[in-house]
Amino acid sequence: MQPHALATGAAAGSTATGWVVGYIIGILVVLVVVALVVPILLLAKSIGDEAPKINDQLTKAVGNTAPLGALRTTIEHATIIIGGLQRGRARLGG
């Protein structure tokens, strides 16, 4: 028995339609992914462009704050001076 001509044509047409729908969905998925990834890449490039400037400023900050390493010595000397002043005041009766 031979299948009916309309049934054979309908089956072939639905298979082609399925492929077309599948390709359209695939293309849409790729476009959505590209639309989400492109802004992230642009932001990353912007950050990368600013990184050398930030690094230069941080290097300058290290140089500007290096004297703070001697702050402990200053505090120790100030403590000794304050102790001497307190002893002097006590001897003077104050």
C-alpha atoms as a PDB file:
ATOM      1  CA  MET A   1       0.000   0.000   0.000  1.00  0.00           C
ATOM      2  CA  GLN A   2       1.287   3.421  -0.993  1.00  0.00           C
ATOM      3  CA  PRO A   3       1.082   6.374   1.469  1.00  0.00           C
ATOM      4  CA  HIS A   4      -1.148   9.194   0.356  1.00  0.00           C
ATOM      5  CA  ALA A   5       0.639  12.005  -1.474  1.00  0.00           C
ATOM      6  CA  LEU A   6      -0.713  14.719   0.837  1.00  0.00           C
ATOM      7  CA  ALA A   7       0.445  12.853   3.958  1.00  0.00           C
ATOM      8  CA  THR A   8       3.962  12.482   2.558  1.00  0.00           C
ATOM      9  CA  GLY A   9       4.133  16.169   1.596  1.00  0.00           C
ATOM     10  CA  ALA A  10       2.838  17.321   4.978  1.00  0.00           C
ATOM     11  CA  ALA A  11       5.450  15.279   6.844  1.00  0.00           C
ATOM     12  CA  ALA A  12       8.270  16.653   4.718  1.00  0.00           C
ATOM     13  CA  GLY A  13       6.977  20.198   5.186  1.00  0.00           C
ATOM     14  CA  SER A  14       6.787  19.915   8.979  1.00  0.00           C
ATOM     15  CA  THR A  15      10.351  18.604   9.123  1.00  0.00           C
ATOM     16  CA  ALA A  16      11.579  21.607   7.131  1.00  0.00           C
ATOM     17  CA  THR A  17       9.514  23.926   9.341  1.00  0.00           C
ATOM     18  CA  GLY A  18      11.073  22.358  12.434  1.00  0.00           C
ATOM     19  CA  TRP A  19      14.547  23.033  11.079  1.00  0.00           C
ATOM     20  CA  VAL A  20      13.679  26.631  10.267  1.00  0.00           C
ATOM     21  CA  VAL A  21      12.197  27.202  13.735  1.00  0.00           C
ATOM     22  CA  GLY A  22      15.263  25.591  15.301  1.00  0.00           C
ATOM     23  CA  TYR A  23      17.641  27.811  13.343  1.00  0.00           C
ATOM     24  CA  ILE A  24      15.621  30.924  14.209  1.00  0.00           C
ATOM     25  CA  ILE A  25      15.661  30.038  17.922  1.00  0.00           C
ATOM     26  CA  GLY A  26      19.397  29.336  17.732  1.00  0.00           C
ATOM     27  CA  ILE A  27      20.077  32.673  16.035  1.00  0.00           C
ATOM     28  CA  LEU A  28      17.954  34.478  18.636  1.00  0.00           C
ATOM     29  CA  VAL A  29      19.849  32.817  21.478  1.00  0.00           C
ATOM     30  CA  VAL A  30      23.173  33.847  19.934  1.00  0.00           C
ATOM     31  CA  LEU A  31      21.951  37.423  19.484  1.00  0.00           C
ATOM     32  CA  VAL A  32      20.796  37.625  23.102  1.00  0.00           C
ATOM     33  CA  VAL A  33      24.141  36.291  24.339  1.00  0.00           C
ATOM     34  CA  VAL A  34      26.008  38.802  22.171  1.00  0.00           C
ATOM     35  CA  ALA A  35      23.766  41.607  23.441  1.00  0.00           C
ATOM     36  CA  LEU A  36      24.626  40.638  27.029  1.00  0.00           C
ATOM     37  CA  VAL A  37      28.349  40.066  26.527  1.00  0.00           C
ATOM     38  CA  VAL A  38      29.202  43.172  24.466  1.00  0.00           C
ATOM     39  CA  PRO A  39      28.458  45.678  27.288  1.00  0.00           C
ATOM     40  CA  ILE A  40      30.514  43.573  29.694  1.00  0.00           C
ATOM     41  CA  LEU A  41      33.453  43.594  27.279  1.00  0.00           C
ATOM     42  CA  LEU A  42      33.136  47.356  26.752  1.00  0.00           C
ATOM     43  CA  LEU A  43      33.133  47.922  30.510  1.00  0.00           C
ATOM     44  CA  ALA A  44      36.173  45.660  30.901  1.00  0.00           C
ATOM     45  CA  LYS A  45      38.004  47.654  28.212  1.00  0.00           C
ATOM     46  CA  SER A  46      37.127  50.902  29.972  1.00  0.00           C
ATOM     47  CA  ILE A  47      38.453  49.557  33.265  1.00  0.00           C
ATOM     48  CA  GLY A  48      41.579  48.295  31.525  1.00  0.00           C
ATOM     49  CA  ASP A  49      42.161  51.730  30.003  1.00  0.00           C
ATOM     50  CA  GLU A  50      41.922  53.374  33.447  1.00  0.00           C
ATOM     51  CA  ALA A  51      44.120  50.802  35.213  1.00  0.00           C
ATOM     52  CA  PRO A  52      47.504  52.410  34.327  1.00  0.00           C
ATOM     53  CA  LYS A  53      46.302  55.789  35.624  1.00  0.00           C
ATOM     54  CA  ILE A  54      45.088  54.197  38.852  1.00  0.00           C
ATOM     55  CA  ASN A  55      48.361  52.318  39.253  1.00  0.00           C
ATOM     56  CA  ASP A  56      50.372  55.528  38.774  1.00  0.00           C
ATOM     57  CA  GLN A  57      48.335  57.294  41.451  1.00  0.00           C
ATOM     58  CA  LEU A  58      48.756  54.372  43.843  1.00  0.00           C
ATOM     59  CA  THR A  59      52.515  54.450  43.259  1.00  0.00           C
ATOM     60  CA  LYS A  60      52.520  58.173  44.106  1.00  0.00           C
ATOM     61  CA  ALA A  61      50.455  57.446  47.220  1.00  0.00           C
ATOM     62  CA  VAL A  62      53.080  54.956  48.385  1.00  0.00           C
ATOM     63  CA  GLY A  63      55.750  57.638  48.053  1.00  0.00           C
ATOM     64  CA  ASN A  64      53.606  60.231  49.794  1.00  0.00           C
ATOM     65  CA  THR A  65      52.762  58.003  52.734  1.00  0.00           C
ATOM     66  CA  ALA A  66      56.243  56.512  53.234  1.00  0.00           C
ATOM     67  CA  PRO A  67      57.093  59.017  56.000  1.00  0.00           C
ATOM     68  CA  LEU A  68      54.233  57.577  58.044  1.00  0.00           C
ATOM     69  CA  GLY A  69      56.496  54.582  58.639  1.00  0.00           C
ATOM     70  CA  ALA A  70      58.532  56.824  60.972  1.00  0.00           C
ATOM     71  CA  LEU A  71      55.423  57.819  62.898  1.00  0.00           C
ATOM     72  CA  ARG A  72      56.075  55.127  65.509  1.00  0.00           C
ATOM     73  CA  THR A  73      59.466  56.734  66.258  1.00  0.00           C
ATOM     74  CA  THR A  74      57.827  60.162  66.547  1.00  0.00           C
ATOM     75  CA  ILE A  75      55.228  58.799  68.948  1.00  0.00           C
ATOM     76  CA  GLU A  76      57.948  57.184  71.089  1.00  0.00           C
ATOM     77  CA  HIS A  77      59.915  60.447  71.282  1.00  0.00           C
ATOM     78  CA  ALA A  78      56.762  62.440  72.082  1.00  0.00           C
ATOM     79  CA  THR A  79      55.939  59.964  74.864  1.00  0.00           C
ATOM     80  CA  ILE A  80      59.424  60.433  76.348  1.00  0.00           C
ATOM     81  CA  ILE A  81      59.085  64.230  76.146  1.00  0.00           C
ATOM     82  CA  ILE A  82      55.639  64.149  77.776  1.00  0.00           C
ATOM     83  CA  GLY A  83      57.026  61.944  80.554  1.00  0.00           C
ATOM     84  CA  GLY A  84      59.834  64.483  81.168  1.00  0.00           C
ATOM     85  CA  LEU A  85      57.367  67.354  81.245  1.00  0.00           C
ATOM     86  CA  GLN A  86      55.161  65.520  83.750  1.00  0.00           C
ATOM     87  CA  ARG A  87      58.182  64.839  85.984  1.00  0.00           C
ATOM     88  CA  GLY A  88      59.209  68.499  85.775  1.00  0.00           C
ATOM     89  CA  ARG A  89      55.702  69.660  86.693  1.00  0.00           C
ATOM     90  CA  ALA A  90      55.652  67.247  89.665  1.00  0.00           C
ATOM     91  CA  ARG A  91      59.007  68.592  90.926  1.00  0.00           C
ATOM     92  CA  LEU A  92      57.767  72.129  90.619  1.00  0.00           C
ATOM     93  CA  GLY A  93      54.717  71.224  92.669  1.00  0.00           C
ATOM     94  CA  GLY A  94      52.179  71.463  89.894  1.00  0.00           C
END
